[in-house]
């Protein structure tokens, strides 16, 4: 856990890996024509993208605040 806190960029890489996995799962549900799973995975994908963007924005704001001091 401490390693993750010290290395915030690792969080983004891990999140992107999760997005890749979900993307593959989405493709599989499309092939299998499983509409319910497709919708659930699509929703999950969007939620993770939003969290990644929020985390990135927070890190960007911290960097700017740090530069101003």
C-alpha atoms as a PDB file:
ATOM      1  CA  UNK A   1       0.000   0.000   0.000  1.00  0.00           C
ATOM      2  CA  UNK A   2       2.776   2.446   0.868  1.00  0.00           C
ATOM      3  CA  UNK A   3       4.435   1.662  -2.437  1.00  0.00           C
ATOM      4  CA  UNK A   4       1.242   2.627  -4.258  1.00  0.00           C
ATOM      5  CA  UNK A   5       0.953   5.896  -2.342  1.00  0.00           C
ATOM      6  CA  UNK A   6       4.554   6.791  -3.194  1.00  0.00           C
ATOM      7  CA  UNK A   7       4.062   5.910  -6.853  1.00  0.00           C
ATOM      8  CA  UNK A   8       0.806   7.551  -7.924  1.00  0.00           C
ATOM      9  CA  UNK A   9       1.546   7.004 -11.625  1.00  0.00           C
ATOM     10  CA  UNK A  10       1.344   3.266 -10.961  1.00  0.00           C
ATOM     11  CA  UNK A  11      -2.335   3.715 -10.085  1.00  0.00           C
ATOM     12  CA  UNK A  12      -3.047   5.081 -13.546  1.00  0.00           C
ATOM     13  CA  UNK A  13      -1.163   2.244 -15.216  1.00  0.00           C
ATOM     14  CA  UNK A  14      -3.047  -0.321 -13.137  1.00  0.00           C
ATOM     15  CA  UNK A  15      -6.349   1.370 -13.972  1.00  0.00           C
ATOM     16  CA  UNK A  16      -5.528   1.329 -17.657  1.00  0.00           C
ATOM     17  CA  UNK A  17      -4.762  -2.389 -17.436  1.00  0.00           C
ATOM     18  CA  UNK A  18      -8.187  -2.927 -15.886  1.00  0.00           C
ATOM     19  CA  UNK A  19      -9.743  -0.962 -18.749  1.00  0.00           C
ATOM     20  CA  UNK A  20      -7.963  -3.185 -21.247  1.00  0.00           C
ATOM     21  CA  UNK A  21      -9.309  -6.298 -19.535  1.00  0.00           C
ATOM     22  CA  UNK A  22     -12.839  -4.920 -19.507  1.00  0.00           C
ATOM     23  CA  UNK A  23     -12.499  -3.985 -23.156  1.00  0.00           C
ATOM     24  CA  UNK A  24     -11.584  -7.571 -24.029  1.00  0.00           C
ATOM     25  CA  UNK A  25     -14.522  -8.827 -21.995  1.00  0.00           C
ATOM     26  CA  UNK A  26     -16.804  -6.400 -23.839  1.00  0.00           C
ATOM     27  CA  UNK A  27     -15.597  -7.775 -27.148  1.00  0.00           C
ATOM     28  CA  UNK A  28     -16.321 -11.303 -25.949  1.00  0.00           C
ATOM     29  CA  UNK A  29     -19.847 -10.380 -24.862  1.00  0.00           C
ATOM     30  CA  UNK A  30     -20.415  -8.834 -28.282  1.00  0.00           C
ATOM     31  CA  UNK A  31     -19.269 -12.040 -29.945  1.00  0.00           C
ATOM     32  CA  UNK A  32     -21.505 -14.078 -27.643  1.00  0.00           C
ATOM     33  CA  UNK A  33     -24.321 -11.542 -28.101  1.00  0.00           C
ATOM     34  CA  UNK A  34     -24.878 -11.226 -24.378  1.00  0.00           C
ATOM     35  CA  UNK A  35     -26.582  -7.839 -24.175  1.00  0.00           C
ATOM     36  CA  UNK A  36     -26.966  -7.785 -20.384  1.00  0.00           C
ATOM     37  CA  UNK A  37     -23.260  -8.403 -19.772  1.00  0.00           C
ATOM     38  CA  UNK A  38     -22.355  -5.950 -22.494  1.00  0.00           C
ATOM     39  CA  UNK A  39     -24.302  -3.186 -20.778  1.00  0.00           C
ATOM     40  CA  UNK A  40     -22.849  -4.011 -17.369  1.00  0.00           C
ATOM     41  CA  UNK A  41     -19.276  -4.068 -18.656  1.00  0.00           C
ATOM     42  CA  UNK A  42     -19.793  -0.910 -20.655  1.00  0.00           C
ATOM     43  CA  UNK A  43     -21.082   0.804 -17.534  1.00  0.00           C
ATOM     44  CA  UNK A  44     -18.106  -0.443 -15.532  1.00  0.00           C
ATOM     45  CA  UNK A  45     -15.715   0.760 -18.231  1.00  0.00           C
ATOM     46  CA  UNK A  46     -17.198   4.258 -18.166  1.00  0.00           C
ATOM     47  CA  UNK A  47     -17.071   4.413 -14.360  1.00  0.00           C
ATOM     48  CA  UNK A  48     -13.410   3.435 -14.322  1.00  0.00           C
ATOM     49  CA  UNK A  49     -12.590   5.988 -17.023  1.00  0.00           C
ATOM     50  CA  UNK A  50     -14.237   8.685 -14.912  1.00  0.00           C
ATOM     51  CA  UNK A  51     -12.248   7.634 -11.831  1.00  0.00           C
ATOM     52  CA  UNK A  52      -9.018   7.671 -13.822  1.00  0.00           C
ATOM     53  CA  UNK A  53      -9.765  11.175 -15.079  1.00  0.00           C
ATOM     54  CA  UNK A  54     -10.641  12.427 -11.592  1.00  0.00           C
ATOM     55  CA  UNK A  55      -7.443  10.945 -10.168  1.00  0.00           C
ATOM     56  CA  UNK A  56      -5.420  12.482 -13.006  1.00  0.00           C
ATOM     57  CA  UNK A  57      -7.045  15.875 -12.452  1.00  0.00           C
ATOM     58  CA  UNK A  58      -6.273  15.690  -8.731  1.00  0.00           C
ATOM     59  CA  UNK A  59      -2.639  14.841  -9.436  1.00  0.00           C
ATOM     60  CA  UNK A  60      -2.404  17.676 -11.972  1.00  0.00           C
ATOM     61  CA  UNK A  61      -3.779  20.140  -9.416  1.00  0.00           C
ATOM     62  CA  UNK A  62      -1.276  18.929  -6.815  1.00  0.00           C
ATOM     63  CA  UNK A  63       1.560  19.401  -9.308  1.00  0.00           C
ATOM     64  CA  UNK A  64       0.424  22.954 -10.097  1.00  0.00           C
ATOM     65  CA  UNK A  65       0.074  23.814  -6.403  1.00  0.00           C
ATOM     66  CA  UNK A  66       3.522  22.395  -5.775  1.00  0.00           C
ATOM     67  CA  UNK A  67       5.041  24.459  -8.622  1.00  0.00           C
ATOM     68  CA  UNK A  68       3.547  27.689  -7.291  1.00  0.00           C
ATOM     69  CA  UNK A  69       5.230  27.324  -3.901  1.00  0.00           C
END
